[in-house]
């Protein structure tokens, strides 16, 4: 079931990114719009962008040149950490990406 969820999420991301008129980069991910919004469930998670060590508390509007291949880390106490490319996140709206953290059991 978990692999199907990842497949379905990947398919949704591919469709969503395909609908945005952006250019592909060398890694095959599309470059993202100049300003994107990243949200977390639950809200208040901490996000770090690996390439420049920028830190944000989510939700946050990020105004920098990111691509779908840029790796982020999202943490919140009591939840599993997410680490992966922005391009693998599901979209929750136009230019808005959502990180859903799973509670630690």
C-alpha atoms as a PDB file:
ATOM      1  CA  UNK A   1       0.000   0.000   0.000  1.00  0.00           C
ATOM      2  CA  UNK A   2       2.859   2.360   0.825  1.00  0.00           C
ATOM      3  CA  UNK A   3       4.459   1.922  -2.620  1.00  0.00           C
ATOM      4  CA  UNK A   4       1.094   2.581  -4.289  1.00  0.00           C
ATOM      5  CA  UNK A   5       0.737   5.800  -2.257  1.00  0.00           C
ATOM      6  CA  UNK A   6       4.216   6.912  -3.346  1.00  0.00           C
ATOM      7  CA  UNK A   7       3.347   6.014  -6.967  1.00  0.00           C
ATOM      8  CA  UNK A   8       0.059   7.925  -6.785  1.00  0.00           C
ATOM      9  CA  UNK A   9       1.759  10.929  -5.177  1.00  0.00           C
ATOM     10  CA  UNK A  10       4.454  10.838  -7.859  1.00  0.00           C
ATOM     11  CA  UNK A  11       1.852  10.704 -10.609  1.00  0.00           C
ATOM     12  CA  UNK A  12       0.004  13.678  -9.125  1.00  0.00           C
ATOM     13  CA  UNK A  13       3.228  15.647  -8.843  1.00  0.00           C
ATOM     14  CA  UNK A  14       4.142  14.873 -12.440  1.00  0.00           C
ATOM     15  CA  UNK A  15       0.731  16.075 -13.597  1.00  0.00           C
ATOM     16  CA  UNK A  16       0.860  19.170 -11.407  1.00  0.00           C
ATOM     17  CA  UNK A  17       4.366  20.123 -12.470  1.00  0.00           C
ATOM     18  CA  UNK A  18       3.478  19.506 -16.082  1.00  0.00           C
ATOM     19  CA  UNK A  19       0.665  22.045 -15.799  1.00  0.00           C
ATOM     20  CA  UNK A  20       3.077  24.789 -14.691  1.00  0.00           C
ATOM     21  CA  UNK A  21       4.932  26.467 -17.534  1.00  0.00           C
ATOM     22  CA  UNK A  22       8.502  26.072 -16.301  1.00  0.00           C
ATOM     23  CA  UNK A  23      11.676  24.797 -17.885  1.00  0.00           C
ATOM     24  CA  UNK A  24      13.290  21.454 -17.099  1.00  0.00           C
ATOM     25  CA  UNK A  25      16.766  21.475 -15.591  1.00  0.00           C
ATOM     26  CA  UNK A  26      19.627  19.020 -16.057  1.00  0.00           C
ATOM     27  CA  UNK A  27      18.164  16.638 -13.448  1.00  0.00           C
ATOM     28  CA  UNK A  28      14.844  16.300 -15.268  1.00  0.00           C
ATOM     29  CA  UNK A  29      12.891  18.223 -12.615  1.00  0.00           C
ATOM     30  CA  UNK A  30      11.189  21.409 -13.630  1.00  0.00           C
ATOM     31  CA  UNK A  31      12.372  24.725 -12.268  1.00  0.00           C
ATOM     32  CA  UNK A  32       9.812  26.147  -9.875  1.00  0.00           C
ATOM     33  CA  UNK A  33       8.132  29.556 -10.063  1.00  0.00           C
ATOM     34  CA  UNK A  34      10.049  32.418  -8.421  1.00  0.00           C
ATOM     35  CA  UNK A  35       7.805  32.336  -5.327  1.00  0.00           C
ATOM     36  CA  UNK A  36       6.399  29.092  -3.956  1.00  0.00           C
ATOM     37  CA  UNK A  37       4.509  28.327  -0.769  1.00  0.00           C
ATOM     38  CA  UNK A  38       5.402  25.289   1.287  1.00  0.00           C
ATOM     39  CA  UNK A  39       2.951  24.122   3.936  1.00  0.00           C
ATOM     40  CA  UNK A  40       3.137  21.343   6.496  1.00  0.00           C
ATOM     41  CA  UNK A  41       0.637  19.158   8.275  1.00  0.00           C
ATOM     42  CA  UNK A  42       0.832  19.794  11.127  1.00  0.00           C
ATOM     43  CA  UNK A  43       1.673  23.481  10.749  1.00  0.00           C
ATOM     44  CA  UNK A  44       4.728  24.861  12.505  1.00  0.00           C
ATOM     45  CA  UNK A  45       7.276  22.351  11.195  1.00  0.00           C
ATOM     46  CA  UNK A  46      10.832  23.561  10.560  1.00  0.00           C
ATOM     47  CA  UNK A  47      12.218  23.316   7.015  1.00  0.00           C
ATOM     48  CA  UNK A  48      15.828  23.567   5.845  1.00  0.00           C
ATOM     49  CA  UNK A  49      16.827  23.872   2.177  1.00  0.00           C
ATOM     50  CA  UNK A  50      19.933  21.715   1.749  1.00  0.00           C
ATOM     51  CA  UNK A  51      21.685  23.712  -1.007  1.00  0.00           C
ATOM     52  CA  UNK A  52      21.893  26.975   0.935  1.00  0.00           C
ATOM     53  CA  UNK A  53      21.029  25.987   4.523  1.00  0.00           C
ATOM     54  CA  UNK A  54      18.096  28.448   4.587  1.00  0.00           C
ATOM     55  CA  UNK A  55      15.682  27.856   7.475  1.00  0.00           C
ATOM     56  CA  UNK A  56      11.900  28.411   7.414  1.00  0.00           C
ATOM     57  CA  UNK A  57       8.965  27.743   9.736  1.00  0.00           C
ATOM     58  CA  UNK A  58       6.041  26.359   7.733  1.00  0.00           C
ATOM     59  CA  UNK A  59       3.825  27.529   6.211  1.00  0.00           C
ATOM     60  CA  UNK A  60       6.173  29.867   4.394  1.00  0.00           C
ATOM     61  CA  UNK A  61       6.449  31.691   1.083  1.00  0.00           C
ATOM     62  CA  UNK A  62       9.882  30.977  -0.334  1.00  0.00           C
ATOM     63  CA  UNK A  63      11.242  33.648  -2.676  1.00  0.00           C
ATOM     64  CA  UNK A  64      14.336  32.133  -4.207  1.00  0.00           C
ATOM     65  CA  UNK A  65      15.299  30.199  -7.272  1.00  0.00           C
ATOM     66  CA  UNK A  66      14.481  26.610  -6.366  1.00  0.00           C
ATOM     67  CA  UNK A  67      14.066  23.649  -8.649  1.00  0.00           C
ATOM     68  CA  UNK A  68      12.127  20.450  -8.106  1.00  0.00           C
ATOM     69  CA  UNK A  69      15.421  18.641  -7.471  1.00  0.00           C
ATOM     70  CA  UNK A  70      16.340  20.825  -4.471  1.00  0.00           C
ATOM     71  CA  UNK A  71      16.317  18.719  -1.310  1.00  0.00           C
ATOM     72  CA  UNK A  72      14.541  19.916   1.805  1.00  0.00           C
ATOM     73  CA  UNK A  73      14.373  18.559   5.339  1.00  0.00           C
ATOM     74  CA  UNK A  74      11.184  19.122   7.364  1.00  0.00           C
ATOM     75  CA  UNK A  75      11.049  18.341  11.109  1.00  0.00           C
ATOM     76  CA  UNK A  76       8.661  18.658  13.998  1.00  0.00           C
ATOM     77  CA  UNK A  77       8.931  17.089  17.436  1.00  0.00           C
ATOM     78  CA  UNK A  78       6.803  13.961  17.713  1.00  0.00           C
ATOM     79  CA  UNK A  79       6.791  13.385  13.925  1.00  0.00           C
ATOM     80  CA  UNK A  80       8.974  11.520  11.434  1.00  0.00           C
ATOM     81  CA  UNK A  81      11.353  13.779   9.495  1.00  0.00           C
ATOM     82  CA  UNK A  82      10.760  14.260   5.768  1.00  0.00           C
ATOM     83  CA  UNK A  83      13.840  14.585   3.547  1.00  0.00           C
ATOM     84  CA  UNK A  84      13.550  14.691  -0.226  1.00  0.00           C
ATOM     85  CA  UNK A  85      13.258  16.801  -3.361  1.00  0.00           C
ATOM     86  CA  UNK A  86      10.617  19.508  -3.470  1.00  0.00           C
ATOM     87  CA  UNK A  87       9.433  18.069  -6.783  1.00  0.00           C
ATOM     88  CA  UNK A  88       8.240  14.889  -5.044  1.00  0.00           C
ATOM     89  CA  UNK A  89       5.822  16.765  -2.777  1.00  0.00           C
ATOM     90  CA  UNK A  90       2.119  16.849  -3.610  1.00  0.00           C
ATOM     91  CA  UNK A  91       0.670  20.227  -4.540  1.00  0.00           C
ATOM     92  CA  UNK A  92      -2.161  21.628  -2.444  1.00  0.00           C
ATOM     93  CA  UNK A  93      -2.793  24.638  -4.690  1.00  0.00           C
ATOM     94  CA  UNK A  94      -1.173  26.758  -7.375  1.00  0.00           C
ATOM     95  CA  UNK A  95       2.564  27.055  -6.584  1.00  0.00           C
ATOM     96  CA  UNK A  96       1.871  25.497  -3.151  1.00  0.00           C
ATOM     97  CA  UNK A  97       3.485  22.276  -1.946  1.00  0.00           C
ATOM     98  CA  UNK A  98       2.425  20.218   1.075  1.00  0.00           C
ATOM     99  CA  UNK A  99       4.571  18.143   3.436  1.00  0.00           C
ATOM    100  CA  UNK A 100       2.481  15.719   5.510  1.00  0.00           C
ATOM    101  CA  UNK A 101       4.451  14.460   8.504  1.00  0.00           C
ATOM    102  CA  UNK A 102       3.580  11.120  10.104  1.00  0.00           C
ATOM    103  CA  UNK A 103       3.385  10.963  13.911  1.00  0.00           C
ATOM    104  CA  UNK A 104       5.965   8.869  15.748  1.00  0.00           C
ATOM    105  CA  UNK A 105       4.216   5.944  17.398  1.00  0.00           C
END
